[in-house]
N, C-alpha and C. Protein backbone atom coordinates (compact mmCIF):
# COMPACT_ATOMS: atom_id res chain seq x y z
N MET A 1 0.84 -1.17 0.00
CA MET A 1 0.00 0.00 0.00
C MET A 1 0.89 1.24 0.00
N GLU A 2 0.53 2.27 -0.77
CA GLU A 2 1.29 3.51 -0.87
C GLU A 2 0.44 4.67 -0.34
N TYR A 3 1.13 5.61 0.34
CA TYR A 3 0.46 6.80 0.86
C TYR A 3 1.16 8.04 0.31
N GLU A 4 0.39 9.04 0.01
CA GLU A 4 0.97 10.33 -0.38
C GLU A 4 1.02 11.20 0.88
N VAL A 5 2.16 11.73 1.17
CA VAL A 5 2.34 12.57 2.36
C VAL A 5 2.49 14.01 1.91
N LEU A 6 1.69 14.88 2.49
CA LEU A 6 1.72 16.30 2.15
C LEU A 6 2.32 17.09 3.31
N SER A 7 3.06 18.09 2.99
CA SER A 7 3.65 18.95 4.03
C SER A 7 2.63 20.00 4.47
N PRO A 8 2.54 20.25 5.77
CA PRO A 8 1.62 21.29 6.25
C PRO A 8 2.18 22.70 6.08
N TRP A 9 3.43 22.81 5.69
CA TRP A 9 4.06 24.12 5.55
C TRP A 9 3.73 24.72 4.19
N ALA A 10 3.25 25.94 4.23
CA ALA A 10 2.95 26.65 2.99
C ALA A 10 4.22 27.30 2.46
N GLU A 11 4.26 27.52 1.19
CA GLU A 11 5.37 28.24 0.60
C GLU A 11 4.97 29.71 0.53
N VAL A 12 5.56 30.50 1.42
CA VAL A 12 5.24 31.93 1.48
C VAL A 12 6.53 32.72 1.64
N ASP A 13 6.44 33.98 1.30
CA ASP A 13 7.57 34.88 1.54
C ASP A 13 7.51 35.31 3.00
N PRO A 14 8.58 35.06 3.76
CA PRO A 14 8.54 35.47 5.17
C PRO A 14 8.52 37.00 5.30
N VAL A 15 7.71 37.47 6.21
CA VAL A 15 7.63 38.91 6.49
C VAL A 15 8.18 39.13 7.88
N ALA A 16 9.14 40.01 7.96
CA ALA A 16 9.73 40.30 9.27
C ALA A 16 8.68 40.96 10.18
N PRO A 17 8.57 40.50 11.42
CA PRO A 17 7.60 41.11 12.33
C PRO A 17 8.01 42.53 12.69
N LYS A 18 7.03 43.39 12.88
CA LYS A 18 7.33 44.75 13.32
C LYS A 18 6.23 45.21 14.26
N GLY A 19 6.58 46.08 15.14
CA GLY A 19 5.63 46.57 16.12
C GLY A 19 4.63 47.53 15.50
N ILE A 20 3.59 47.83 16.26
CA ILE A 20 2.58 48.75 15.76
C ILE A 20 2.99 50.20 15.94
N SER A 21 4.04 50.43 16.70
CA SER A 21 4.57 51.78 16.88
C SER A 21 6.08 51.68 17.01
N PRO A 22 6.78 52.76 16.75
CA PRO A 22 8.24 52.72 16.85
C PRO A 22 8.68 52.37 18.27
N ARG A 23 9.74 51.60 18.39
CA ARG A 23 10.27 51.20 19.69
C ARG A 23 11.27 52.24 20.17
N VAL A 24 11.30 52.46 21.47
CA VAL A 24 12.32 53.34 22.03
C VAL A 24 13.64 52.58 22.02
N THR A 25 14.71 53.30 21.79
CA THR A 25 16.02 52.65 21.74
C THR A 25 16.75 52.74 23.07
N ASP A 26 16.30 53.63 23.95
CA ASP A 26 16.97 53.82 25.24
C ASP A 26 15.93 54.29 26.24
N LEU A 27 15.96 53.78 27.45
CA LEU A 27 14.98 54.16 28.47
C LEU A 27 15.44 55.33 29.34
N ARG A 28 16.68 55.77 29.17
CA ARG A 28 17.17 56.89 29.97
C ARG A 28 16.37 58.15 29.66
N GLY A 29 15.84 58.77 30.72
CA GLY A 29 15.10 60.01 30.58
C GLY A 29 13.69 59.85 30.01
N LYS A 30 13.28 58.64 29.76
CA LYS A 30 11.95 58.39 29.19
C LYS A 30 10.91 58.22 30.31
N THR A 31 9.66 58.43 29.94
CA THR A 31 8.55 58.14 30.86
C THR A 31 8.02 56.77 30.48
N ILE A 32 8.11 55.85 31.43
CA ILE A 32 7.72 54.47 31.20
C ILE A 32 6.35 54.25 31.83
N GLY A 33 5.40 53.86 31.02
CA GLY A 33 4.07 53.55 31.51
C GLY A 33 4.02 52.12 32.00
N LEU A 34 3.50 51.93 33.20
CA LEU A 34 3.38 50.59 33.78
C LEU A 34 1.89 50.29 33.89
N PHE A 35 1.42 49.41 33.03
CA PHE A 35 -0.01 49.11 32.91
C PHE A 35 -0.31 47.77 33.58
N ALA A 36 -1.16 47.81 34.59
CA ALA A 36 -1.56 46.59 35.30
C ALA A 36 -3.00 46.27 34.95
N PHE A 37 -3.22 45.05 34.53
CA PHE A 37 -4.58 44.59 34.24
C PHE A 37 -5.35 44.40 35.54
N PHE A 38 -6.54 43.89 35.43
CA PHE A 38 -7.47 43.77 36.54
C PHE A 38 -7.06 42.76 37.60
N LYS A 39 -6.09 41.93 37.35
CA LYS A 39 -5.71 40.89 38.30
C LYS A 39 -5.14 41.49 39.59
N GLN A 40 -5.36 40.79 40.69
CA GLN A 40 -4.99 41.28 42.02
C GLN A 40 -3.52 41.65 42.16
N TRP A 41 -2.64 40.84 41.61
CA TRP A 41 -1.21 41.06 41.82
C TRP A 41 -0.56 41.88 40.72
N GLY A 42 -1.35 42.39 39.79
CA GLY A 42 -0.79 43.23 38.73
C GLY A 42 -0.09 44.48 39.26
N PRO A 43 -0.76 45.28 40.10
CA PRO A 43 -0.10 46.49 40.62
C PRO A 43 1.18 46.21 41.42
N PRO A 44 1.19 45.21 42.34
CA PRO A 44 2.46 44.95 43.04
C PRO A 44 3.57 44.50 42.08
N ILE A 45 3.21 43.74 41.06
CA ILE A 45 4.22 43.32 40.08
C ILE A 45 4.79 44.55 39.37
N MET A 46 3.93 45.48 38.98
CA MET A 46 4.39 46.69 38.29
C MET A 46 5.25 47.57 39.20
N ARG A 47 4.95 47.60 40.49
CA ARG A 47 5.80 48.35 41.42
C ARG A 47 7.20 47.74 41.49
N GLU A 48 7.26 46.41 41.45
CA GLU A 48 8.57 45.75 41.45
C GLU A 48 9.30 45.99 40.13
N VAL A 49 8.57 45.97 39.03
CA VAL A 49 9.18 46.28 37.73
C VAL A 49 9.77 47.70 37.78
N GLU A 50 9.01 48.63 38.35
CA GLU A 50 9.52 50.01 38.47
C GLU A 50 10.79 50.05 39.30
N ARG A 51 10.79 49.36 40.44
CA ARG A 51 11.97 49.37 41.32
C ARG A 51 13.20 48.87 40.57
N GLN A 52 13.03 47.78 39.84
CA GLN A 52 14.18 47.22 39.12
C GLN A 52 14.62 48.10 37.95
N LEU A 53 13.66 48.69 37.24
CA LEU A 53 14.03 49.58 36.14
C LEU A 53 14.72 50.84 36.65
N LYS A 54 14.28 51.35 37.81
CA LYS A 54 14.93 52.54 38.40
C LYS A 54 16.40 52.29 38.69
N GLU A 55 16.72 51.06 39.09
CA GLU A 55 18.12 50.73 39.35
C GLU A 55 18.95 50.83 38.08
N LYS A 56 18.40 50.40 36.96
CA LYS A 56 19.13 50.41 35.69
C LYS A 56 19.06 51.75 34.98
N PHE A 57 17.93 52.46 35.15
CA PHE A 57 17.71 53.72 34.44
C PHE A 57 17.23 54.78 35.44
N PRO A 58 18.15 55.32 36.25
CA PRO A 58 17.74 56.24 37.31
C PRO A 58 17.10 57.54 36.82
N THR A 59 17.30 57.91 35.56
CA THR A 59 16.69 59.14 35.05
C THR A 59 15.31 58.91 34.44
N ALA A 60 14.88 57.67 34.39
CA ALA A 60 13.55 57.37 33.84
C ALA A 60 12.47 57.80 34.83
N LYS A 61 11.32 58.16 34.28
CA LYS A 61 10.15 58.49 35.09
C LYS A 61 9.11 57.39 34.86
N PHE A 62 8.19 57.26 35.79
CA PHE A 62 7.21 56.18 35.70
C PHE A 62 5.81 56.70 35.91
N SER A 63 4.88 56.10 35.19
CA SER A 63 3.47 56.45 35.32
C SER A 63 2.68 55.14 35.34
N HIS A 64 1.90 54.94 36.40
CA HIS A 64 1.14 53.70 36.55
C HIS A 64 -0.30 53.89 36.09
N TYR A 65 -0.84 52.83 35.51
CA TYR A 65 -2.27 52.79 35.18
C TYR A 65 -2.78 51.40 35.53
N HIS A 66 -3.78 51.36 36.38
CA HIS A 66 -4.38 50.07 36.77
C HIS A 66 -5.79 50.04 36.22
N PHE A 67 -6.02 49.11 35.31
CA PHE A 67 -7.35 48.97 34.74
C PHE A 67 -8.09 47.92 35.55
N PRO A 68 -9.18 48.31 36.25
CA PRO A 68 -9.82 47.40 37.21
C PRO A 68 -10.74 46.35 36.59
N LEU A 69 -10.97 46.40 35.29
CA LEU A 69 -11.86 45.44 34.64
C LEU A 69 -11.07 44.60 33.64
N HIS A 70 -11.69 43.55 33.15
CA HIS A 70 -11.05 42.74 32.12
C HIS A 70 -10.76 43.63 30.91
N VAL A 71 -9.63 43.43 30.26
CA VAL A 71 -9.16 44.32 29.21
C VAL A 71 -10.17 44.50 28.07
N GLU A 72 -10.97 43.49 27.78
CA GLU A 72 -11.97 43.63 26.71
C GLU A 72 -13.06 44.63 27.07
N GLU A 73 -13.15 44.99 28.33
CA GLU A 73 -14.19 45.91 28.79
C GLU A 73 -13.86 47.37 28.52
N VAL A 74 -12.63 47.70 28.17
CA VAL A 74 -12.22 49.10 28.04
C VAL A 74 -13.08 49.86 27.05
N ALA A 75 -13.42 49.26 25.93
CA ALA A 75 -14.21 49.96 24.92
C ALA A 75 -15.64 50.20 25.37
N LYS A 76 -16.11 49.44 26.34
CA LYS A 76 -17.49 49.57 26.81
C LYS A 76 -17.66 50.65 27.87
N HIS A 77 -16.57 51.15 28.41
CA HIS A 77 -16.63 52.13 29.50
C HIS A 77 -15.90 53.40 29.10
N ASP A 78 -16.66 54.40 28.72
CA ASP A 78 -16.06 55.64 28.23
C ASP A 78 -15.11 56.29 29.23
N LYS A 79 -15.45 56.23 30.52
CA LYS A 79 -14.58 56.89 31.50
C LYS A 79 -13.21 56.22 31.54
N TYR A 80 -13.15 54.88 31.43
CA TYR A 80 -11.85 54.21 31.42
C TYR A 80 -11.13 54.43 30.10
N LYS A 81 -11.86 54.40 29.02
CA LYS A 81 -11.24 54.62 27.72
C LYS A 81 -10.59 56.00 27.67
N ALA A 82 -11.31 57.01 28.11
CA ALA A 82 -10.78 58.38 28.09
C ALA A 82 -9.57 58.52 29.01
N SER A 83 -9.65 57.97 30.22
CA SER A 83 -8.52 58.11 31.14
C SER A 83 -7.31 57.31 30.64
N PHE A 84 -7.55 56.16 30.02
CA PHE A 84 -6.45 55.38 29.47
C PHE A 84 -5.77 56.14 28.33
N GLU A 85 -6.57 56.68 27.42
CA GLU A 85 -5.99 57.41 26.29
C GLU A 85 -5.19 58.62 26.77
N GLU A 86 -5.68 59.31 27.78
CA GLU A 86 -4.95 60.45 28.34
C GLU A 86 -3.64 59.99 28.96
N TRP A 87 -3.69 58.90 29.72
CA TRP A 87 -2.48 58.35 30.33
C TRP A 87 -1.47 57.95 29.26
N ALA A 88 -1.94 57.27 28.21
CA ALA A 88 -1.04 56.78 27.16
C ALA A 88 -0.33 57.91 26.43
N LYS A 89 -0.96 59.08 26.33
CA LYS A 89 -0.32 60.22 25.66
C LYS A 89 0.91 60.70 26.42
N GLY A 90 0.95 60.45 27.72
CA GLY A 90 2.03 60.97 28.55
C GLY A 90 3.20 60.03 28.76
N VAL A 91 3.22 58.90 28.05
CA VAL A 91 4.32 57.96 28.23
C VAL A 91 5.04 57.71 26.91
N ASP A 92 6.32 57.35 27.02
CA ASP A 92 7.12 57.06 25.83
C ASP A 92 7.04 55.59 25.42
N THR A 93 6.83 54.73 26.39
CA THR A 93 6.74 53.30 26.15
C THR A 93 5.95 52.68 27.30
N VAL A 94 5.46 51.46 27.09
CA VAL A 94 4.60 50.82 28.10
C VAL A 94 5.08 49.40 28.37
N VAL A 95 5.05 49.06 29.66
CA VAL A 95 5.27 47.67 30.10
C VAL A 95 3.94 47.23 30.68
N THR A 96 3.46 46.07 30.27
CA THR A 96 2.21 45.56 30.81
C THR A 96 2.47 44.32 31.64
N GLY A 97 1.58 44.08 32.56
CA GLY A 97 1.71 42.88 33.37
C GLY A 97 0.42 42.59 34.08
N HIS A 98 0.23 41.35 34.39
CA HIS A 98 -0.93 40.96 35.17
C HIS A 98 -0.60 39.69 35.93
N GLY A 99 -1.21 39.52 37.06
CA GLY A 99 -0.91 38.35 37.86
C GLY A 99 -2.06 38.00 38.78
N ASP A 100 -2.08 36.76 39.20
CA ASP A 100 -3.14 36.29 40.09
C ASP A 100 -2.69 36.33 41.53
């Protein structure tokens, strides 16, 4: 008995991944946004991230945003959407985290 075996890999031109916005090349002097999702341990994790980043980049500034609802809910709540957009305008880059 003979079987024909087909490869699951398509023949495509690889496209290099790129971010949706330009990446910062250096964190010195930048304002780093620390975004914590709704999970209980998100804010403490972001405080620790800030502490460690301050050690490496003492001239960096930090801005925290804690979103108290599940992330899919942001579009449904105008007050959170507006405050998030305002917060995001004031940062150069964002680190996100969430934890249980």
